[in-house]
Amino acid sequence: MAHSTIPDRPAPADPIPVDIAALTAWMDEQGLPTGDTTELRPLHGGTQNIMVIVSRGGREYVLRRGPRHLRPQSNAAIAREMTLLSALSSTEVAHPRFVAGTTDPDVLGATFFLMEPVHGFNAADALPAPYAATAEGREAMGYALVDALAGLAAVDHSVIGLDDFGKPDGFLERQVPRWLAEHERYAATPGYRGGTFPDLDRIAGWLEDNRPGHFRPGLLHGDYHVANVLYDHRAPRVAAIVDWEMATVGDPLLDLGVLLAIWPDDPRQPDLYESALGRAGNLPSRSAIVARYAERSDRDLDALDWYTVLASLKLGIILEGTYARSCDGKAPRDVGERLHRYADGLFVRARGITAGA
């Protein structure tokens, strides 16, 4: 299972596992601009997957593939991203433009694809654009995040050929059992004591008791927040939504729930993920975020508290997984402790909503 909730960008210690000669020959077969591969450098991102910038024939590409040591689902996850990005090319959704790709492992030893580079910045890390220095600019960045999400939710997945991209039937019914099972697996992790969320069962029960009876299927990103978008340097708009490995066809309102689960309660407070944008403040209020989405979508928002609680449970359990691995020495302990703190904050939010419902 591929997760990409918090970006940590350590430089890779191993050489980039890309056979330049094989890549060059494959690019020739795709009819891409010819020339020597003049540059191959890592592009740090928020996932375990590898991304490198390839310069060839006066043009730059981003190559994306699974990690050096492939996991059982690594190639399948990259193939799904490739399918999705290719389908999105016919839409107005802000995303990295797909160029070419292959599932043939004989080329580079793994499924991979090329996409166009996005000239933008990650507002979770820094705020280099001049407009981000103003309160008005940061408020506009918050609204732009909602606008991009509403645009994604408005896409008809059937029209762009993604009928088989997910399993919307029973999507909401599967969510709580899926994430509880994920949490239960952590118990076998050496060094992990567990017991972090004493009211997990109560929150899960609330979700089961209050689950919406129906929804309109659509595309969802699966992990939508400020760290997974790139902003344009020139204007407060989203240049691209990135890190699509959790995308599927399901209920798009879960993406809005994710955004609200992390959003600050007060514009003067940081968001739960302590992003640079959240720390700078002056973001729209939570109610303003919901109102903006409602202006741009015809989806029923009456059960939005339910989606926010589900998102809090889901993200909290995902983050706790990194903490569990850190207890076993399989992830940096400082990262694990930080994500553990975020997970606790998410459950505080879920606890508050369910207690008042």
Protein backbone atom coordinates (compact mmCIF):
# COMPACT_ATOMS: atom_id res chain seq x y z
CA MET A 1 0.00 0.00 0.00
CA ALA A 2 1.51 3.32 -1.04
CA HIS A 3 1.06 6.24 1.31
CA SER A 4 2.19 9.81 0.84
CA THR A 5 0.85 11.83 3.70
CA ILE A 6 3.78 13.96 4.85
CA PRO A 7 6.65 15.06 2.64
CA ASP A 8 10.14 14.33 3.92
CA ARG A 9 12.84 15.05 1.41
CA PRO A 10 16.12 13.36 2.30
CA ALA A 11 18.63 13.12 -0.52
CA PRO A 12 19.00 9.56 -1.78
CA ALA A 13 22.13 7.87 -0.47
CA ASP A 14 22.38 5.41 -3.37
CA PRO A 15 23.14 6.25 -7.01
CA ILE A 16 20.06 6.89 -9.13
CA PRO A 17 19.01 3.45 -10.52
CA VAL A 18 18.50 4.53 -14.13
CA ASP A 19 20.32 2.98 -17.08
CA ILE A 20 20.89 6.06 -19.25
CA ALA A 21 21.68 4.08 -22.40
CA ALA A 22 18.53 1.99 -22.06
CA LEU A 23 16.46 5.08 -21.33
CA THR A 24 17.88 6.89 -24.36
CA ALA A 25 17.07 3.95 -26.65
CA TRP A 26 13.52 3.74 -25.27
CA MET A 27 12.98 7.49 -25.73
CA ASP A 28 14.11 7.13 -29.34
CA GLU A 29 11.46 4.43 -29.82
CA GLN A 30 8.81 6.82 -28.45
CA GLY A 31 9.72 9.44 -31.04
CA LEU A 32 10.79 11.98 -28.42
CA PRO A 33 13.30 14.74 -29.28
CA THR A 34 16.70 13.21 -29.92
CA GLY A 35 20.05 14.14 -28.45
CA ASP A 36 22.34 13.18 -25.62
CA THR A 37 20.98 12.80 -22.13
CA THR A 38 22.83 15.75 -20.67
CA GLU A 39 21.56 15.72 -17.11
CA LEU A 40 20.12 13.22 -14.66
CA ARG A 41 19.51 14.59 -11.18
CA PRO A 42 17.22 13.64 -8.30
CA LEU A 43 14.00 15.50 -7.67
CA HIS A 44 13.09 15.16 -4.03
CA GLY A 45 9.43 14.54 -3.29
CA GLY A 46 7.09 13.29 -0.61
CA THR A 47 7.02 9.61 -1.45
CA GLN A 48 9.19 6.52 -1.45
CA ASN A 49 9.17 6.52 -5.24
CA ILE A 50 12.10 7.78 -7.28
CA MET A 51 11.87 10.91 -9.39
CA VAL A 52 14.73 12.24 -11.52
CA ILE A 53 14.98 15.11 -13.96
CA VAL A 54 16.12 14.04 -17.40
CA SER A 55 17.45 16.66 -19.85
CA ARG A 56 17.55 15.62 -23.49
CA GLY A 57 17.26 17.37 -26.83
CA GLY A 58 16.80 20.74 -25.17
CA ARG A 59 13.82 19.55 -23.17
CA GLU A 60 13.39 18.47 -19.56
CA TYR A 61 11.32 15.56 -18.32
CA VAL A 62 10.60 14.09 -14.90
CA LEU A 63 11.05 10.32 -14.74
CA ARG A 64 9.05 8.56 -12.04
CA ARG A 65 9.43 4.92 -10.96
CA GLY A 66 9.17 2.82 -7.83
CA PRO A 67 11.89 2.66 -5.16
CA ARG A 68 15.23 0.98 -5.74
CA HIS A 69 14.02 -2.05 -3.78
CA LEU A 70 10.59 -2.59 -5.29
CA ARG A 71 7.70 -3.49 -3.00
CA PRO A 72 5.07 -6.02 -4.13
CA GLN A 73 2.73 -3.30 -5.42
CA SER A 74 5.29 -0.71 -6.57
CA ASN A 75 4.98 -1.37 -10.30
CA ALA A 76 1.19 -1.57 -10.11
CA ALA A 77 1.04 1.76 -8.25
CA ILE A 78 3.19 3.49 -10.86
CA ALA A 79 1.09 1.97 -13.65
CA ARG A 80 -2.07 3.35 -12.01
CA GLU A 81 -0.54 6.82 -11.79
CA MET A 82 0.44 6.58 -15.43
CA THR A 83 -3.13 5.64 -16.39
CA LEU A 84 -4.60 8.46 -14.33
CA LEU A 85 -2.27 11.21 -15.54
CA SER A 86 -2.77 10.14 -19.13
CA ALA A 87 -6.55 10.32 -18.69
CA LEU A 88 -6.38 13.72 -16.99
CA SER A 89 -4.66 15.22 -20.03
CA SER A 90 -8.09 15.85 -21.58
CA THR A 91 -9.30 17.80 -18.52
CA GLU A 92 -8.65 21.19 -16.93
CA VAL A 93 -7.36 19.56 -13.72
CA ALA A 94 -3.96 20.98 -12.72
CA HIS A 95 -1.56 18.05 -12.90
CA PRO A 96 1.86 17.07 -14.27
CA ARG A 97 1.38 16.36 -17.96
CA PHE A 98 2.01 12.76 -18.98
CA VAL A 99 4.53 12.25 -21.81
CA ALA A 100 5.18 8.51 -22.20
CA GLY A 101 5.64 5.40 -20.09
CA THR A 102 5.93 1.63 -20.07
CA THR A 103 5.09 -1.31 -17.85
CA ASP A 104 7.84 -3.39 -19.50
CA PRO A 105 10.37 -4.15 -16.72
CA ASP A 106 13.03 -5.05 -19.27
CA VAL A 107 13.64 -1.37 -20.09
CA LEU A 108 14.73 -0.03 -16.69
CA GLY A 109 13.91 -2.90 -14.36
CA ALA A 110 10.62 -1.34 -13.25
CA THR A 111 7.49 0.33 -14.57
CA PHE A 112 8.19 4.02 -15.17
CA PHE A 113 6.88 7.05 -16.99
CA LEU A 114 7.96 10.51 -18.09
CA MET A 115 6.00 13.64 -17.32
CA GLU A 116 6.52 17.31 -17.93
CA PRO A 117 8.19 19.24 -15.10
CA VAL A 118 6.00 21.65 -13.14
CA HIS A 119 7.49 25.04 -12.43
CA GLY A 120 6.00 25.67 -9.04
CA PHE A 121 6.75 25.53 -5.33
CA ASN A 122 5.56 23.45 -2.40
CA ALA A 123 3.97 25.76 0.17
CA ALA A 124 4.40 23.14 2.88
CA ASP A 125 8.15 23.80 2.74
CA ALA A 126 8.57 27.49 1.89
CA LEU A 127 6.79 30.55 0.52
CA PRO A 128 9.13 32.00 -2.12
CA ALA A 129 6.49 33.76 -4.26
CA PRO A 130 6.12 37.52 -3.56
CA TYR A 131 2.35 37.22 -3.23
CA ALA A 132 2.79 34.74 -0.36
CA ALA A 133 4.30 37.52 1.75
CA THR A 134 0.91 39.25 2.00
CA ALA A 135 -2.16 38.28 3.98
CA GLU A 136 -4.29 38.68 0.85
CA GLY A 137 -1.98 36.42 -1.14
CA ARG A 138 -2.07 33.65 1.45
CA GLU A 139 -5.85 33.85 1.68
CA ALA A 140 -6.01 33.51 -2.10
CA MET A 141 -3.70 30.46 -1.87
CA GLY A 142 -6.18 28.82 0.49
CA TYR A 143 -9.07 29.42 -1.87
CA ALA A 144 -6.99 28.19 -4.82
CA LEU A 145 -6.48 24.91 -2.98
CA VAL A 146 -10.25 24.48 -2.73
CA ASP A 147 -10.85 25.52 -6.34
CA ALA A 148 -8.40 22.91 -7.64
CA LEU A 149 -10.06 20.23 -5.50
CA ALA A 150 -13.56 21.15 -6.68
CA GLY A 151 -12.31 21.00 -10.26
CA LEU A 152 -11.03 17.47 -9.73
CA ALA A 153 -14.31 16.35 -8.14
CA ALA A 154 -16.25 17.74 -11.11
CA VAL A 155 -14.50 15.46 -13.63
CA ASP A 156 -16.66 12.69 -15.07
CA HIS A 157 -14.36 9.70 -14.72
CA SER A 158 -16.40 7.69 -17.22
CA VAL A 159 -15.94 10.28 -19.95
CA ILE A 160 -12.14 10.13 -19.63
CA GLY A 161 -12.03 6.33 -19.63
CA LEU A 162 -11.56 5.60 -15.93
CA ASP A 163 -14.60 3.40 -15.26
CA ASP A 164 -12.30 0.60 -14.12
CA PHE A 165 -9.94 2.78 -12.08
CA GLY A 166 -11.67 2.11 -8.75
CA LYS A 167 -14.47 0.20 -7.08
CA PRO A 168 -17.06 2.78 -6.03
CA ASP A 169 -19.64 0.16 -5.04
CA GLY A 170 -19.33 -0.25 -1.29
CA PHE A 171 -16.60 2.40 -1.10
CA LEU A 172 -17.89 4.04 2.08
CA GLU A 173 -18.71 0.71 3.71
CA ARG A 174 -15.12 -0.51 3.20
CA GLN A 175 -13.38 2.48 4.75
CA VAL A 176 -13.60 1.86 8.50
CA PRO A 177 -12.83 -1.90 8.36
CA ARG A 178 -9.91 -1.22 6.03
CA TRP A 179 -8.22 1.32 8.29
CA LEU A 180 -8.93 -0.60 11.49
CA ALA A 181 -7.24 -3.63 9.93
CA GLU A 182 -4.28 -1.46 9.00
CA HIS A 183 -4.01 -0.26 12.59
CA GLU A 184 -4.22 -3.80 13.95
CA ARG A 185 -1.23 -4.83 11.87
CA TYR A 186 0.96 -2.33 13.73
CA ALA A 187 0.61 -4.38 16.93
CA ALA A 188 3.13 -6.90 15.58
CA THR A 189 5.80 -4.21 15.06
CA PRO A 190 8.73 -4.72 17.47
CA GLY A 191 9.11 -1.82 19.89
CA TYR A 192 5.67 -0.36 19.22
CA ARG A 193 3.54 -0.25 22.35
CA GLY A 194 0.29 0.90 20.74
CA GLY A 195 -2.59 2.27 22.78
CA THR A 196 -2.27 5.71 21.22
CA PHE A 197 -5.95 6.08 20.37
CA PRO A 198 -7.98 4.75 23.32
CA ASP A 199 -11.25 5.91 21.74
CA LEU A 200 -10.54 4.42 18.31
CA ASP A 201 -13.38 1.91 18.61
CA ARG A 202 -15.84 4.59 19.73
CA ILE A 203 -14.95 6.84 16.78
CA ALA A 204 -15.12 3.88 14.39
CA GLY A 205 -18.54 3.01 15.80
CA TRP A 206 -19.74 6.58 15.31
CA LEU A 207 -18.61 6.44 11.69
CA GLU A 208 -20.47 3.19 11.10
CA ASP A 209 -23.63 4.51 12.75
CA ASN A 210 -23.63 7.79 10.81
CA ARG A 211 -22.36 6.70 7.40
CA PRO A 212 -24.09 8.51 4.50
CA GLY A 213 -26.56 6.30 2.68
CA HIS A 214 -25.42 7.22 -0.83
CA PHE A 215 -22.92 9.28 -2.80
CA ARG A 216 -22.11 10.18 -6.39
CA PRO A 217 -18.91 8.45 -7.49
CA GLY A 218 -16.04 10.50 -8.83
CA LEU A 219 -12.29 10.89 -8.83
CA LEU A 220 -10.55 11.50 -5.55
CA HIS A 221 -6.89 12.17 -4.91
CA GLY A 222 -6.87 10.33 -1.58
CA ASP A 223 -4.33 12.54 0.19
CA TYR A 224 -5.23 16.11 -0.71
CA HIS A 225 -3.54 18.88 1.27
CA VAL A 226 -1.08 21.70 0.84
CA ALA A 227 2.00 19.43 0.72
CA ASN A 228 0.62 17.63 -2.32
CA VAL A 229 0.15 20.62 -4.59
CA LEU A 230 2.58 22.97 -6.31
CA TYR A 231 1.75 26.67 -6.52
CA ASP A 232 2.52 28.93 -9.45
CA HIS A 233 5.35 31.39 -8.74
CA ARG A 234 3.54 34.24 -10.50
CA ALA A 235 0.01 34.12 -9.13
CA PRO A 236 -1.80 32.40 -6.21
CA ARG A 237 -3.09 29.44 -8.14
CA VAL A 238 -2.37 25.72 -8.08
CA ALA A 239 0.06 24.82 -10.85
CA ALA A 240 -0.32 21.07 -10.29
CA ILE A 241 -1.73 18.49 -7.92
CA VAL A 242 1.00 15.89 -7.32
CA ASP A 243 1.54 12.49 -5.64
CA TRP A 244 -1.45 10.61 -7.04
CA GLU A 245 -0.62 7.12 -5.75
CA MET A 246 -3.69 6.97 -3.48
CA ALA A 247 -6.10 8.20 -6.17
CA THR A 248 -9.15 6.13 -7.03
CA VAL A 249 -12.80 6.36 -8.04
CA GLY A 250 -14.87 6.68 -4.89
CA ASP A 251 -16.46 9.51 -2.96
CA PRO A 252 -14.69 12.83 -3.73
CA LEU A 253 -16.02 14.38 -0.52
CA LEU A 254 -13.40 12.37 1.36
CA ASP A 255 -10.79 14.69 -0.22
CA LEU A 256 -12.61 17.69 1.24
CA GLY A 257 -12.71 15.83 4.56
CA VAL A 258 -8.92 15.40 4.40
CA LEU A 259 -8.45 19.11 3.74
CA LEU A 260 -10.72 20.05 6.67
CA ALA A 261 -9.12 17.49 9.01
CA ILE A 262 -5.79 19.29 8.60
CA TRP A 263 -7.05 22.88 8.26
CA PRO A 264 -6.45 25.27 11.20
CA ASP A 265 -9.33 26.02 13.55
CA ASP A 266 -8.21 29.65 13.63
CA PRO A 267 -6.52 31.56 10.75
CA ARG A 268 -3.89 32.71 13.27
CA GLN A 269 -2.93 29.12 14.09
CA PRO A 270 -0.85 26.67 12.01
CA ASP A 271 -2.47 23.73 10.31
CA LEU A 272 -2.10 20.27 11.84
CA TYR A 273 0.80 19.43 9.49
CA GLU A 274 2.66 22.63 10.45
CA SER A 275 3.15 23.70 6.83
CA ALA A 276 4.94 26.93 5.94
CA LEU A 277 1.65 28.28 4.58
CA GLY A 278 -0.23 27.33 7.74
CA ARG A 279 2.43 28.83 9.99
CA ALA A 280 2.31 32.12 8.07
CA GLY A 281 -1.41 32.38 8.80
CA ASN A 282 -4.22 34.42 7.22
CA LEU A 283 -5.79 31.40 5.57
CA PRO A 284 -9.55 31.37 5.00
CA SER A 285 -11.61 30.06 7.89
CA ARG A 286 -12.93 26.51 7.84
CA SER A 287 -16.45 27.78 7.17
CA ALA A 288 -15.15 29.89 4.29
CA ILE A 289 -13.42 26.84 2.82
CA VAL A 290 -16.68 24.90 2.92
CA ALA A 291 -18.62 27.82 1.42
CA ARG A 292 -16.08 28.13 -1.41
CA TYR A 293 -16.39 24.44 -2.22
CA ALA A 294 -20.18 24.70 -2.15
CA GLU A 295 -20.03 27.55 -4.67
CA ARG A 296 -18.07 25.36 -7.08
CA SER A 297 -19.77 22.02 -6.56
CA ASP A 298 -23.29 20.63 -6.58
CA ARG A 299 -22.42 17.83 -4.15
CA ASP A 300 -24.44 17.43 -0.95
CA LEU A 301 -22.31 18.68 1.96
CA ASP A 302 -24.77 17.84 4.75
CA ALA A 303 -22.59 14.97 6.06
CA LEU A 304 -19.31 16.87 5.89
CA ASP A 305 -18.55 16.24 9.57
CA TRP A 306 -18.67 12.50 8.81
CA TYR A 307 -16.11 12.85 6.02
CA THR A 308 -13.86 14.95 8.25
CA VAL A 309 -13.95 12.32 11.01
CA LEU A 310 -13.26 9.52 8.51
CA ALA A 311 -10.34 11.50 7.08
CA SER A 312 -8.99 12.10 10.59
CA LEU A 313 -9.15 8.40 11.41
CA LYS A 314 -7.62 7.37 8.09
CA LEU A 315 -4.76 9.88 8.16
CA GLY A 316 -4.10 9.33 11.84
CA ILE A 317 -3.70 5.59 11.29
CA ILE A 318 -1.46 6.12 8.25
CA LEU A 319 0.80 8.49 10.18
CA GLU A 320 0.89 6.14 13.15
CA GLY A 321 2.26 3.50 10.81
CA THR A 322 5.41 5.54 10.27
CA TYR A 323 5.72 5.99 14.02
CA ALA A 324 5.39 2.23 14.53
CA ARG A 325 8.13 1.60 11.97
CA SER A 326 10.33 4.18 13.67
CA CYS A 327 9.97 2.23 16.92
CA ASP A 328 11.47 -0.73 15.06
CA GLY A 329 14.28 1.34 13.58
CA LYS A 330 12.81 1.20 10.07
CA ALA A 331 12.09 4.93 9.85
CA PRO A 332 13.87 7.95 11.40
CA ARG A 333 12.76 8.32 15.01
CA ASP A 334 12.41 12.11 14.81
CA VAL A 335 10.11 11.76 11.80
CA GLY A 336 8.12 9.07 13.58
CA GLU A 337 7.68 11.24 16.67
CA ARG A 338 6.54 14.20 14.58
CA LEU A 339 3.99 12.17 12.65
CA HIS A 340 2.83 10.58 15.91
CA ARG A 341 2.09 14.10 17.16
CA TYR A 342 0.14 14.88 13.99
CA ALA A 343 -1.82 11.64 14.35
CA ASP A 344 -2.78 12.56 17.88
CA GLY A 345 -3.98 15.97 16.66
CA LEU A 346 -6.16 14.32 14.06
CA PHE A 347 -7.80 12.12 16.65
CA VAL A 348 -8.35 15.16 18.88
CA ARG A 349 -10.25 16.67 15.97
CA ALA A 350 -12.29 13.49 15.41
CA ARG A 351 -13.00 13.27 19.12
CA GLY A 352 -14.30 16.84 19.19
CA ILE A 353 -16.64 16.36 16.25
CA THR A 354 -18.08 13.06 17.43
CA ALA A 355 -18.52 14.28 20.98
CA GLY A 356 -20.60 17.23 19.79
CA ALA A 357 -22.62 15.32 17.21
